[in-house]
Amino acid sequence: MARRATIDSSTRDRLLDAAMDVFARRGYHGTTVDDIVAASQSSKGAFYHYFPSKQGIFLELLTKLAEAVEGSVEHAIEQEQGALAKVEAALRMVLEVASGQRDLARILLIEAAALGPAFEQSRLGIHRRFAALIRRHLDRAVADRAIPRQDTQAAAMAWIGAINEVITQQLAADGDLSVCLPPLRTVLLRSIGAGGPDERA
């Protein structure tokens, strides 16, 4: 018990960093707890002190990645003026993060689809968080009269579905995510009655 108390949080951080790197290189199913322990230069005792299993540390990484994306999106939104510009900035940032973290995004969206109910609940929770973020800014766009009055909750959920599908298909085809932004932005903005950027010019 005393030994466990001496394990500091830097060990936990090392394990998480190592897991992110190993999962990205080897995929979820190709990664073992031993791989993570070796990459973190720690021990199995330290691993199981902080995480119940490989799936447990993967779900923790999923939460951390979602928080990082949400923080990046919020920062991008703050730099823009006008509700529609903020919504577009959020979309751009999500695609940029997915492009910059392709290996992890591929695991999260494709490989991990069969991980079971714990992963599914985590994934749905993340979708709800991002749908709520999108809805807040759609509500502001409605209040600013930039888009017609509508069911912003349904619109936000539809956006999440579309974004998820586009990213998943591009990752599966090893395609360039950056080319998706202009057409996806146009389709999504038209879906809420805003039109594409060319139409608003």
N, C-alpha and C. Protein backbone atom coordinates (compact mmCIF):
# COMPACT_ATOMS: atom_id res chain seq x y z
N MET A 1 0.83 -1.20 0.00
CA MET A 1 0.00 0.00 0.00
C MET A 1 0.86 1.25 0.00
N ALA A 2 1.95 1.22 0.83
CA ALA A 2 2.86 2.38 0.89
C ALA A 2 3.54 2.59 -0.45
N ARG A 3 3.87 1.46 -1.12
CA ARG A 3 4.53 1.58 -2.42
C ARG A 3 3.63 2.28 -3.43
N ARG A 4 2.34 1.92 -3.41
CA ARG A 4 1.40 2.54 -4.34
C ARG A 4 1.28 4.04 -4.08
N ALA A 5 1.34 4.40 -2.81
CA ALA A 5 1.20 5.82 -2.46
C ALA A 5 2.36 6.65 -3.00
N THR A 6 3.50 5.98 -3.22
CA THR A 6 4.67 6.73 -3.69
C THR A 6 4.68 6.90 -5.21
N ILE A 7 3.77 6.20 -5.92
CA ILE A 7 3.71 6.34 -7.37
C ILE A 7 3.10 7.69 -7.70
N ASP A 8 3.88 8.57 -8.30
CA ASP A 8 3.38 9.94 -8.52
C ASP A 8 2.63 10.05 -9.84
N SER A 9 1.96 11.21 -10.01
CA SER A 9 1.11 11.41 -11.18
C SER A 9 1.91 11.47 -12.47
N SER A 10 3.21 11.76 -12.40
CA SER A 10 4.00 11.80 -13.62
C SER A 10 4.06 10.42 -14.27
N THR A 11 3.98 9.37 -13.48
CA THR A 11 3.96 8.01 -14.01
C THR A 11 2.67 7.80 -14.81
N ARG A 12 1.58 8.28 -14.28
CA ARG A 12 0.29 8.19 -14.99
C ARG A 12 0.36 8.93 -16.32
N ASP A 13 0.94 10.12 -16.29
CA ASP A 13 1.07 10.90 -17.53
C ASP A 13 1.96 10.18 -18.54
N ARG A 14 3.05 9.57 -18.05
CA ARG A 14 3.94 8.83 -18.95
C ARG A 14 3.21 7.64 -19.59
N LEU A 15 2.40 6.97 -18.80
CA LEU A 15 1.63 5.84 -19.31
C LEU A 15 0.64 6.30 -20.40
N LEU A 16 -0.02 7.41 -20.16
CA LEU A 16 -0.98 7.93 -21.14
C LEU A 16 -0.27 8.36 -22.43
N ASP A 17 0.85 9.06 -22.28
CA ASP A 17 1.61 9.49 -23.46
C ASP A 17 2.10 8.28 -24.26
N ALA A 18 2.61 7.29 -23.53
CA ALA A 18 3.12 6.08 -24.20
C ALA A 18 1.98 5.34 -24.89
N ALA A 19 0.84 5.25 -24.22
CA ALA A 19 -0.31 4.55 -24.80
C ALA A 19 -0.77 5.23 -26.08
N MET A 20 -0.80 6.55 -26.08
CA MET A 20 -1.22 7.28 -27.27
C MET A 20 -0.29 6.96 -28.45
N ASP A 21 1.01 6.95 -28.16
CA ASP A 21 1.99 6.67 -29.20
C ASP A 21 1.88 5.22 -29.70
N VAL A 22 1.76 4.28 -28.77
CA VAL A 22 1.72 2.86 -29.16
C VAL A 22 0.42 2.54 -29.89
N PHE A 23 -0.70 3.03 -29.39
CA PHE A 23 -1.97 2.80 -30.09
C PHE A 23 -1.93 3.37 -31.51
N ALA A 24 -1.35 4.57 -31.65
CA ALA A 24 -1.27 5.20 -32.97
C ALA A 24 -0.42 4.38 -33.93
N ARG A 25 0.66 3.77 -33.42
CA ARG A 25 1.57 3.01 -34.28
C ARG A 25 1.07 1.59 -34.57
N ARG A 26 0.48 0.95 -33.56
CA ARG A 26 0.16 -0.47 -33.68
C ARG A 26 -1.33 -0.76 -33.81
N GLY A 27 -2.16 0.24 -33.58
CA GLY A 27 -3.59 0.00 -33.58
C GLY A 27 -4.04 -0.54 -32.23
N TYR A 28 -5.33 -0.52 -32.00
CA TYR A 28 -5.84 -0.99 -30.70
C TYR A 28 -5.56 -2.47 -30.49
N HIS A 29 -5.95 -3.29 -31.45
CA HIS A 29 -5.83 -4.74 -31.27
C HIS A 29 -4.38 -5.21 -31.30
N GLY A 30 -3.51 -4.43 -31.93
CA GLY A 30 -2.10 -4.80 -31.99
C GLY A 30 -1.30 -4.35 -30.78
N THR A 31 -1.93 -3.62 -29.89
CA THR A 31 -1.25 -3.09 -28.70
C THR A 31 -1.54 -3.96 -27.48
N THR A 32 -0.52 -4.19 -26.66
CA THR A 32 -0.70 -4.92 -25.41
C THR A 32 -0.30 -4.02 -24.23
N VAL A 33 -0.73 -4.41 -23.05
CA VAL A 33 -0.34 -3.68 -21.85
C VAL A 33 1.18 -3.68 -21.72
N ASP A 34 1.82 -4.81 -22.06
CA ASP A 34 3.29 -4.88 -21.99
C ASP A 34 3.93 -3.84 -22.91
N ASP A 35 3.35 -3.62 -24.09
CA ASP A 35 3.88 -2.61 -25.01
C ASP A 35 3.84 -1.23 -24.37
N ILE A 36 2.71 -0.90 -23.74
CA ILE A 36 2.54 0.41 -23.11
C ILE A 36 3.50 0.58 -21.95
N VAL A 37 3.62 -0.48 -21.15
CA VAL A 37 4.53 -0.44 -19.99
C VAL A 37 5.97 -0.23 -20.46
N ALA A 38 6.38 -0.96 -21.49
CA ALA A 38 7.75 -0.83 -21.99
C ALA A 38 8.00 0.57 -22.55
N ALA A 39 7.05 1.09 -23.31
CA ALA A 39 7.22 2.41 -23.91
C ALA A 39 7.25 3.52 -22.86
N SER A 40 6.56 3.30 -21.74
CA SER A 40 6.51 4.32 -20.69
C SER A 40 7.65 4.17 -19.69
N GLN A 41 8.41 3.08 -19.82
CA GLN A 41 9.50 2.78 -18.88
C GLN A 41 8.99 2.76 -17.44
N SER A 42 7.85 2.09 -17.28
CA SER A 42 7.28 1.95 -15.93
C SER A 42 7.12 0.45 -15.64
N SER A 43 6.09 0.09 -14.92
CA SER A 43 5.89 -1.31 -14.55
C SER A 43 4.43 -1.68 -14.68
N LYS A 44 4.16 -2.97 -14.72
CA LYS A 44 2.77 -3.42 -14.78
C LYS A 44 2.02 -3.01 -13.51
N GLY A 45 2.74 -3.01 -12.39
CA GLY A 45 2.11 -2.58 -11.15
C GLY A 45 1.62 -1.14 -11.24
N ALA A 46 2.46 -0.29 -11.84
CA ALA A 46 2.08 1.12 -12.02
C ALA A 46 0.89 1.22 -12.97
N PHE A 47 0.94 0.44 -14.05
CA PHE A 47 -0.16 0.49 -15.02
C PHE A 47 -1.47 0.16 -14.33
N TYR A 48 -1.51 -0.98 -13.62
CA TYR A 48 -2.78 -1.42 -13.02
C TYR A 48 -3.16 -0.61 -11.79
N HIS A 49 -2.24 0.18 -11.26
CA HIS A 49 -2.59 1.11 -10.20
C HIS A 49 -3.53 2.19 -10.75
N TYR A 50 -3.28 2.61 -11.99
CA TYR A 50 -4.05 3.72 -12.57
C TYR A 50 -5.15 3.27 -13.52
N PHE A 51 -4.97 2.13 -14.19
CA PHE A 51 -5.92 1.72 -15.21
C PHE A 51 -6.30 0.26 -15.04
N PRO A 52 -7.58 -0.06 -15.22
CA PRO A 52 -8.02 -1.44 -14.99
C PRO A 52 -7.62 -2.40 -16.11
N SER A 53 -7.37 -1.85 -17.31
CA SER A 53 -7.13 -2.71 -18.47
C SER A 53 -6.65 -1.86 -19.64
N LYS A 54 -6.35 -2.54 -20.74
CA LYS A 54 -6.00 -1.82 -21.98
C LYS A 54 -7.18 -0.97 -22.43
N GLN A 55 -8.38 -1.53 -22.34
CA GLN A 55 -9.56 -0.76 -22.73
C GLN A 55 -9.73 0.46 -21.83
N GLY A 56 -9.42 0.30 -20.54
CA GLY A 56 -9.55 1.41 -19.60
C GLY A 56 -8.66 2.59 -19.97
N ILE A 57 -7.41 2.32 -20.32
CA ILE A 57 -6.51 3.43 -20.68
C ILE A 57 -6.91 4.00 -22.04
N PHE A 58 -7.44 3.16 -22.93
CA PHE A 58 -7.89 3.65 -24.22
C PHE A 58 -9.07 4.60 -24.05
N LEU A 59 -10.01 4.25 -23.18
CA LEU A 59 -11.16 5.13 -22.93
C LEU A 59 -10.72 6.44 -22.29
N GLU A 60 -9.70 6.38 -21.44
CA GLU A 60 -9.16 7.61 -20.85
C GLU A 60 -8.54 8.48 -21.94
N LEU A 61 -7.82 7.87 -22.87
CA LEU A 61 -7.25 8.63 -23.98
C LEU A 61 -8.34 9.25 -24.84
N LEU A 62 -9.41 8.51 -25.03
CA LEU A 62 -10.53 9.01 -25.81
C LEU A 62 -11.11 10.28 -25.17
N THR A 63 -11.26 10.24 -23.86
CA THR A 63 -11.77 11.41 -23.13
C THR A 63 -10.82 12.59 -23.25
N LYS A 64 -9.52 12.32 -23.07
CA LYS A 64 -8.53 13.40 -23.16
C LYS A 64 -8.49 14.00 -24.56
N LEU A 65 -8.59 13.15 -25.58
CA LEU A 65 -8.57 13.66 -26.95
C LEU A 65 -9.80 14.51 -27.22
N ALA A 66 -10.96 14.07 -26.73
CA ALA A 66 -12.19 14.86 -26.91
C ALA A 66 -12.07 16.21 -26.22
N GLU A 67 -11.50 16.21 -25.02
CA GLU A 67 -11.32 17.47 -24.30
C GLU A 67 -10.38 18.41 -25.04
N ALA A 68 -9.32 17.84 -25.63
CA ALA A 68 -8.36 18.66 -26.38
C ALA A 68 -9.01 19.25 -27.62
N VAL A 69 -9.81 18.43 -28.33
CA VAL A 69 -10.50 18.93 -29.52
C VAL A 69 -11.50 20.01 -29.13
N GLU A 70 -12.24 19.76 -28.05
CA GLU A 70 -13.23 20.75 -27.60
C GLU A 70 -12.55 22.07 -27.24
N GLY A 71 -11.39 21.98 -26.56
CA GLY A 71 -10.65 23.19 -26.21
C GLY A 71 -10.17 23.93 -27.44
N SER A 72 -9.68 23.19 -28.44
CA SER A 72 -9.21 23.80 -29.68
C SER A 72 -10.36 24.45 -30.44
N VAL A 73 -11.49 23.79 -30.44
CA VAL A 73 -12.68 24.33 -31.12
C VAL A 73 -13.13 25.62 -30.45
N GLU A 74 -13.20 25.60 -29.13
CA GLU A 74 -13.64 26.79 -28.40
C GLU A 74 -12.68 27.96 -28.64
N HIS A 75 -11.38 27.66 -28.69
CA HIS A 75 -10.39 28.71 -28.95
C HIS A 75 -10.57 29.28 -30.35
N ALA A 76 -10.78 28.40 -31.33
CA ALA A 76 -10.99 28.86 -32.71
C ALA A 76 -12.25 29.71 -32.80
N ILE A 77 -13.28 29.32 -32.09
CA ILE A 77 -14.55 30.06 -32.09
C ILE A 77 -14.36 31.46 -31.53
N GLU A 78 -13.57 31.55 -30.46
CA GLU A 78 -13.35 32.85 -29.81
C GLU A 78 -12.67 33.85 -30.73
N GLN A 79 -11.91 33.37 -31.72
CA GLN A 79 -11.18 34.26 -32.61
C GLN A 79 -12.06 34.86 -33.70
N GLU A 80 -13.27 34.34 -33.85
CA GLU A 80 -14.15 34.76 -34.95
C GLU A 80 -15.25 35.69 -34.46
N GLN A 81 -15.73 36.50 -35.38
CA GLN A 81 -16.86 37.38 -35.11
C GLN A 81 -18.07 36.89 -35.91
N GLY A 82 -19.22 36.85 -35.28
CA GLY A 82 -20.43 36.41 -35.97
C GLY A 82 -20.68 34.93 -35.76
N ALA A 83 -21.95 34.57 -35.57
CA ALA A 83 -22.30 33.20 -35.23
C ALA A 83 -21.92 32.21 -36.33
N LEU A 84 -22.16 32.57 -37.59
CA LEU A 84 -21.83 31.62 -38.66
C LEU A 84 -20.33 31.42 -38.81
N ALA A 85 -19.56 32.50 -38.65
CA ALA A 85 -18.10 32.38 -38.72
C ALA A 85 -17.60 31.47 -37.61
N LYS A 86 -18.22 31.54 -36.45
CA LYS A 86 -17.83 30.69 -35.33
C LYS A 86 -18.13 29.22 -35.63
N VAL A 87 -19.31 28.96 -36.23
CA VAL A 87 -19.67 27.59 -36.58
C VAL A 87 -18.69 27.03 -37.62
N GLU A 88 -18.34 27.84 -38.61
CA GLU A 88 -17.38 27.40 -39.63
C GLU A 88 -16.01 27.13 -39.02
N ALA A 89 -15.59 27.97 -38.08
CA ALA A 89 -14.30 27.78 -37.42
C ALA A 89 -14.27 26.46 -36.65
N ALA A 90 -15.39 26.13 -36.01
CA ALA A 90 -15.47 24.87 -35.28
C ALA A 90 -15.32 23.69 -36.22
N LEU A 91 -15.99 23.73 -37.35
CA LEU A 91 -15.90 22.65 -38.32
C LEU A 91 -14.47 22.51 -38.84
N ARG A 92 -13.85 23.62 -39.16
CA ARG A 92 -12.48 23.60 -39.67
C ARG A 92 -11.52 22.98 -38.66
N MET A 93 -11.68 23.35 -37.40
CA MET A 93 -10.78 22.85 -36.36
C MET A 93 -10.94 21.34 -36.15
N VAL A 94 -12.18 20.84 -36.18
CA VAL A 94 -12.40 19.40 -36.02
C VAL A 94 -11.69 18.63 -37.13
N LEU A 95 -11.80 19.10 -38.36
CA LEU A 95 -11.14 18.42 -39.47
C LEU A 95 -9.62 18.53 -39.37
N GLU A 96 -9.13 19.66 -38.90
CA GLU A 96 -7.69 19.84 -38.76
C GLU A 96 -7.13 18.89 -37.70
N VAL A 97 -7.83 18.76 -36.59
CA VAL A 97 -7.36 17.86 -35.52
C VAL A 97 -7.40 16.41 -36.01
N ALA A 98 -8.49 16.03 -36.68
CA ALA A 98 -8.59 14.66 -37.19
C ALA A 98 -7.48 14.38 -38.19
N SER A 99 -7.14 15.39 -39.02
CA SER A 99 -6.06 15.23 -39.99
C SER A 99 -4.70 15.11 -39.31
N GLY A 100 -4.50 15.90 -38.25
CA GLY A 100 -3.23 15.88 -37.54
C GLY A 100 -3.03 14.64 -36.68
N GLN A 101 -4.15 13.99 -36.30
CA GLN A 101 -4.10 12.78 -35.47
C GLN A 101 -4.74 11.62 -36.23
N ARG A 102 -4.35 11.44 -37.47
CA ARG A 102 -5.01 10.45 -38.33
C ARG A 102 -5.02 9.05 -37.74
N ASP A 103 -3.89 8.62 -37.21
CA ASP A 103 -3.81 7.24 -36.71
C ASP A 103 -4.76 7.02 -35.54
N LEU A 104 -4.79 7.98 -34.61
CA LEU A 104 -5.70 7.84 -33.48
C LEU A 104 -7.15 7.98 -33.92
N ALA A 105 -7.41 8.92 -34.83
CA ALA A 105 -8.77 9.10 -35.33
C ALA A 105 -9.26 7.82 -36.02
N ARG A 106 -8.36 7.16 -36.75
CA ARG A 106 -8.73 5.91 -37.42
C ARG A 106 -9.09 4.84 -36.39
N ILE A 107 -8.33 4.77 -35.32
CA ILE A 107 -8.63 3.79 -34.27
C ILE A 107 -9.99 4.09 -33.64
N LEU A 108 -10.20 5.37 -33.32
CA LEU A 108 -11.42 5.77 -32.61
C LEU A 108 -12.66 5.59 -33.47
N LEU A 109 -12.56 5.91 -34.75
CA LEU A 109 -13.74 5.91 -35.60
C LEU A 109 -13.96 4.60 -36.36
N ILE A 110 -12.90 3.84 -36.57
CA ILE A 110 -13.03 2.64 -37.40
C ILE A 110 -12.73 1.37 -36.59
N GLU A 111 -11.49 1.26 -36.10
CA GLU A 111 -11.07 0.01 -35.47
C GLU A 111 -11.81 -0.26 -34.17
N ALA A 112 -12.10 0.81 -33.40
CA ALA A 112 -12.69 0.62 -32.08
C ALA A 112 -14.19 0.44 -32.09
N ALA A 113 -14.78 0.35 -33.28
CA ALA A 113 -16.24 0.23 -33.38
C ALA A 113 -16.76 -1.03 -32.69
N ALA A 114 -15.91 -2.04 -32.54
CA ALA A 114 -16.36 -3.30 -31.95
C ALA A 114 -15.84 -3.50 -30.52
N LEU A 115 -15.52 -2.42 -29.85
CA LEU A 115 -14.93 -2.55 -28.51
C LEU A 115 -15.94 -2.86 -27.42
N GLY A 116 -17.22 -2.73 -27.72
CA GLY A 116 -18.21 -3.09 -26.72
C GLY A 116 -18.93 -1.91 -26.12
N PRO A 117 -19.82 -2.19 -25.16
CA PRO A 117 -20.71 -1.16 -24.61
C PRO A 117 -20.00 -0.02 -23.90
N ALA A 118 -18.87 -0.27 -23.25
CA ALA A 118 -18.17 0.80 -22.53
C ALA A 118 -17.69 1.86 -23.52
N PHE A 119 -17.10 1.39 -24.63
CA PHE A 119 -16.65 2.32 -25.64
C PHE A 119 -17.84 3.05 -26.27
N GLU A 120 -18.92 2.32 -26.54
CA GLU A 120 -20.09 2.92 -27.18
C GLU A 120 -20.67 4.04 -26.31
N GLN A 121 -20.74 3.80 -25.01
CA GLN A 121 -21.25 4.85 -24.11
C GLN A 121 -20.34 6.07 -24.11
N SER A 122 -19.03 5.82 -24.13
CA SER A 122 -18.07 6.92 -24.16
C SER A 122 -18.21 7.70 -25.47
N ARG A 123 -18.33 6.98 -26.57
CA ARG A 123 -18.46 7.61 -27.89
C ARG A 123 -19.73 8.46 -27.96
N LEU A 124 -20.83 7.92 -27.45
CA LEU A 124 -22.09 8.65 -27.47
C LEU A 124 -22.02 9.90 -26.59
N GLY A 125 -21.32 9.77 -25.47
CA GLY A 125 -21.15 10.93 -24.59
C GLY A 125 -20.38 12.04 -25.27
N ILE A 126 -19.35 11.68 -26.02
CA ILE A 126 -18.56 12.66 -26.76
C ILE A 126 -19.41 13.31 -27.84
N HIS A 127 -20.20 12.51 -28.54
CA HIS A 127 -21.09 13.06 -29.56
C HIS A 127 -22.07 14.06 -28.95
N ARG A 128 -22.60 13.73 -27.78
CA ARG A 128 -23.54 14.65 -27.12
C ARG A 128 -22.86 15.95 -26.75
N ARG A 129 -21.62 15.87 -26.28
CA ARG A 129 -20.88 17.09 -25.91
C ARG A 129 -20.69 18.00 -27.11
N PHE A 130 -20.28 17.40 -28.24
CA PHE A 130 -20.03 18.22 -29.42
C PHE A 130 -21.33 18.72 -30.05
N ALA A 131 -22.38 17.90 -29.97
CA ALA A 131 -23.68 18.36 -30.47
C ALA A 131 -24.17 19.55 -29.64
N ALA A 132 -23.94 19.51 -28.34
CA ALA A 132 -24.34 20.63 -27.48
C ALA A 132 -23.56 21.89 -27.83
N LEU A 133 -22.27 21.73 -28.13
CA LEU A 133 -21.44 22.88 -28.51
C LEU A 133 -21.95 23.49 -29.82
N ILE A 134 -22.21 22.63 -30.81
CA ILE A 134 -22.73 23.12 -32.10
C ILE A 134 -24.08 23.80 -31.90
N ARG A 135 -24.93 23.17 -31.09
CA ARG A 135 -26.27 23.74 -30.88
C ARG A 135 -26.20 25.13 -30.27
N ARG A 136 -25.30 25.33 -29.31
CA ARG A 136 -25.17 26.66 -28.69
C ARG A 136 -24.92 27.73 -29.74
N HIS A 137 -24.05 27.43 -30.69
CA HIS A 137 -23.70 28.44 -31.69
C HIS A 137 -24.76 28.54 -32.78
N LEU A 138 -25.48 27.45 -33.05
CA LEU A 138 -26.61 27.55 -33.96
C LEU A 138 -27.72 28.40 -33.33
N ASP A 139 -27.92 28.24 -32.03
CA ASP A 139 -28.91 29.07 -31.34
C ASP A 139 -28.55 30.55 -31.44
N ARG A 140 -27.26 30.85 -31.32
CA ARG A 140 -26.82 32.24 -31.45
C ARG A 140 -27.04 32.75 -32.87
N ALA A 141 -26.81 31.86 -33.85
CA ALA A 141 -27.04 32.25 -35.24
C ALA A 141 -28.52 32.55 -35.48
N VAL A 142 -29.39 31.76 -34.86
CA VAL A 142 -30.83 32.02 -34.96
C VAL A 142 -31.16 33.36 -34.30
N ALA A 143 -30.59 33.60 -33.11
CA ALA A 143 -30.85 34.84 -32.39
C ALA A 143 -30.35 36.06 -33.17
N ASP A 144 -29.23 35.86 -33.89
CA ASP A 144 -28.67 36.95 -34.72
C ASP A 144 -29.39 37.09 -36.06
N ARG A 145 -30.36 36.19 -36.30
CA ARG A 145 -31.10 36.15 -37.58
C ARG A 145 -30.19 35.86 -38.77
N ALA A 146 -29.09 35.15 -38.48
CA ALA A 146 -28.19 34.72 -39.56
C ALA A 146 -28.74 33.48 -40.26
N ILE A 147 -29.56 32.71 -39.54
CA ILE A 147 -30.22 31.54 -40.11
C ILE A 147 -31.67 31.55 -39.65
N PRO A 148 -32.56 30.84 -40.38
CA PRO A 148 -33.97 30.80 -39.98
C PRO A 148 -34.15 30.08 -38.64
N ARG A 149 -35.25 30.37 -37.96
CA ARG A 149 -35.60 29.64 -36.74
C ARG A 149 -35.83 28.18 -37.09
N GLN A 150 -35.29 27.26 -36.28
CA GLN A 150 -35.36 25.83 -36.59
C GLN A 150 -35.06 25.01 -35.36
N ASP A 151 -35.17 23.69 -35.50
CA ASP A 151 -34.84 22.76 -34.42
C ASP A 151 -33.32 22.60 -34.40
N THR A 152 -32.65 23.40 -33.59
CA THR A 152 -31.18 23.39 -33.58
C THR A 152 -30.61 22.11 -32.96
N GLN A 153 -31.39 21.46 -32.10
CA GLN A 153 -30.90 20.20 -31.54
C GLN A 153 -30.82 19.14 -32.62
N ALA A 154 -31.86 19.02 -33.44
CA ALA A 154 -31.84 18.05 -34.54
C ALA A 154 -30.75 18.42 -35.55
N ALA A 155 -30.60 19.71 -35.83
CA ALA A 155 -29.57 20.15 -36.78
C ALA A 155 -28.19 19.79 -36.28
N ALA A 156 -27.93 20.02 -34.99
CA ALA A 156 -26.61 19.73 -34.42
C ALA A 156 -26.31 18.23 -34.48
N MET A 157 -27.31 17.40 -34.18
CA MET A 157 -27.09 15.95 -34.25
C MET A 157 -26.83 15.50 -35.69
N ALA A 158 -27.54 16.13 -36.64
CA ALA A 158 -27.31 15.80 -38.04
C ALA A 158 -25.90 16.19 -38.46
N TRP A 159 -25.43 17.34 -37.97
CA TRP A 159 -24.06 17.78 -38.27
C TRP A 159 -23.04 16.77 -37.74
N ILE A 160 -23.24 16.33 -36.50
CA ILE A 160 -22.31 15.36 -35.91
C ILE A 160 -22.27 14.10 -36.76
N GLY A 161 -23.43 13.62 -37.18
CA GLY A 161 -23.47 12.42 -38.02
C GLY A 161 -22.74 12.61 -39.34
N ALA A 162 -22.96 13.76 -39.97
CA ALA A 162 -22.32 14.03 -41.26
C ALA A 162 -20.81 14.16 -41.12
N ILE A 163 -20.37 14.90 -40.11
CA ILE A 163 -18.93 15.09 -39.89
C ILE A 163 -18.26 13.75 -39.61
N ASN A 164 -18.88 12.96 -38.74
CA ASN A 164 -18.34 11.65 -38.38
C ASN A 164 -18.21 10.75 -39.62
N GLU A 165 -19.24 10.75 -40.45
CA GLU A 165 -19.22 9.88 -41.63
C GLU A 165 -18.18 10.33 -42.64
N VAL A 166 -18.07 11.62 -42.88
CA VAL A 166 -17.08 12.12 -43.84
C VAL A 166 -15.67 11.79 -43.38
N ILE A 167 -15.38 12.04 -42.10
CA ILE A 167 -14.04 11.75 -41.58
C ILE A 167 -13.75 10.25 -41.65
N THR A 168 -14.74 9.43 -41.25
CA THR A 168 -14.56 7.99 -41.27
C THR A 168 -14.27 7.47 -42.68
N GLN A 169 -15.05 7.93 -43.64
CA GLN A 169 -14.86 7.47 -45.02
C GLN A 169 -13.50 7.90 -45.57
N GLN A 170 -13.09 9.13 -45.28
CA GLN A 170 -11.81 9.61 -45.76
C GLN A 170 -10.65 8.85 -45.13
N LEU A 171 -10.76 8.58 -43.83
CA LEU A 171 -9.71 7.81 -43.15
C LEU A 171 -9.64 6.39 -43.70
N ALA A 172 -10.79 5.78 -43.95
CA ALA A 172 -10.82 4.41 -44.47
C ALA A 172 -10.18 4.34 -45.85
N ALA A 173 -10.36 5.41 -46.63
CA ALA A 173 -9.80 5.45 -47.98
C ALA A 173 -8.40 6.06 -48.01
N ASP A 174 -7.89 6.43 -46.82
CA ASP A 174 -6.59 7.09 -46.71
C ASP A 174 -6.57 8.38 -47.53
N GLY A 175 -7.71 9.08 -47.52
CA GLY A 175 -7.85 10.31 -48.30
C GLY A 175 -7.39 11.54 -47.53
N ASP A 176 -7.39 12.67 -48.24
CA ASP A 176 -6.96 13.95 -47.68
C ASP A 176 -8.16 14.64 -47.04
N LEU A 177 -8.13 14.80 -45.73
CA LEU A 177 -9.26 15.40 -45.03
C LEU A 177 -9.45 16.87 -45.38
N SER A 178 -8.36 17.56 -45.74
CA SER A 178 -8.48 18.99 -46.01
C SER A 178 -9.37 19.28 -47.21
N VAL A 179 -9.42 18.33 -48.17
CA VAL A 179 -10.25 18.57 -49.36
C VAL A 179 -11.74 18.46 -49.03
N CYS A 180 -12.05 17.87 -47.86
CA CYS A 180 -13.45 17.70 -47.47
C CYS A 180 -14.08 19.00 -46.96
N LEU A 181 -13.25 19.91 -46.48
CA LEU A 181 -13.80 21.07 -45.78
C LEU A 181 -14.72 21.91 -46.64
N PRO A 182 -14.30 22.38 -47.83
CA PRO A 182 -15.21 23.27 -48.58
C PRO A 182 -16.57 22.64 -48.91
N PRO A 183 -16.61 21.41 -49.50
CA PRO A 183 -17.93 20.84 -49.79
C PRO A 183 -18.74 20.52 -48.55
N LEU A 184 -18.08 20.03 -47.50
CA LEU A 184 -18.80 19.70 -46.27
C LEU A 184 -19.37 20.96 -45.64
N ARG A 185 -18.57 22.01 -45.60
CA ARG A 185 -19.03 23.29 -45.05
C ARG A 185 -20.25 23.78 -45.83
N THR A 186 -20.19 23.71 -47.15
CA THR A 186 -21.31 24.18 -47.97
C THR A 186 -22.58 23.39 -47.69
N VAL A 187 -22.45 22.05 -47.65
CA VAL A 187 -23.61 21.20 -47.40
C VAL A 187 -24.21 21.49 -46.02
N LEU A 188 -23.36 21.58 -45.01
CA LEU A 188 -23.86 21.79 -43.65
C LEU A 188 -24.51 23.16 -43.50
N LEU A 189 -23.89 24.18 -44.06
CA LEU A 189 -24.47 25.52 -43.95
C LEU A 189 -25.80 25.61 -44.71
N ARG A 190 -25.88 24.96 -45.86
CA ARG A 190 -27.15 24.95 -46.59
C ARG A 190 -28.22 24.22 -45.78
N SER A 191 -27.82 23.19 -45.03
CA SER A 191 -28.79 22.40 -44.27
C SER A 191 -29.48 23.22 -43.19
N ILE A 192 -28.84 24.33 -42.77
CA ILE A 192 -29.47 25.18 -41.75
C ILE A 192 -29.98 26.49 -42.36
N GLY A 193 -30.01 26.54 -43.70
CA GLY A 193 -30.54 27.72 -44.36
C GLY A 193 -29.58 28.87 -44.48
N ALA A 194 -28.27 28.57 -44.37
CA ALA A 194 -27.27 29.65 -44.43
C ALA A 194 -26.64 29.76 -45.80
N GLY A 195 -26.64 28.70 -46.59
CA GLY A 195 -25.96 28.73 -47.88
C GLY A 195 -24.47 28.56 -47.69
N GLY A 196 -23.78 28.32 -48.78
CA GLY A 196 -22.33 28.17 -48.74
C GLY A 196 -21.65 29.50 -48.72
N PRO A 197 -20.33 29.56 -48.47
CA PRO A 197 -19.60 30.81 -48.39
C PRO A 197 -19.66 31.62 -49.66
N ASP A 198 -19.66 30.95 -50.84
CA ASP A 198 -19.72 31.67 -52.10
C ASP A 198 -21.06 32.38 -52.26
N GLU A 199 -22.12 31.74 -51.77
CA GLU A 199 -23.44 32.32 -51.92
C GLU A 199 -23.63 33.53 -51.01
N ARG A 200 -22.85 33.57 -49.90
CA ARG A 200 -23.02 34.69 -48.98
C ARG A 200 -22.15 35.86 -49.38
N ALA A 201 -21.19 35.66 -50.30
CA ALA A 201 -20.26 36.71 -50.68
C ALA A 201 -20.98 37.80 -51.45
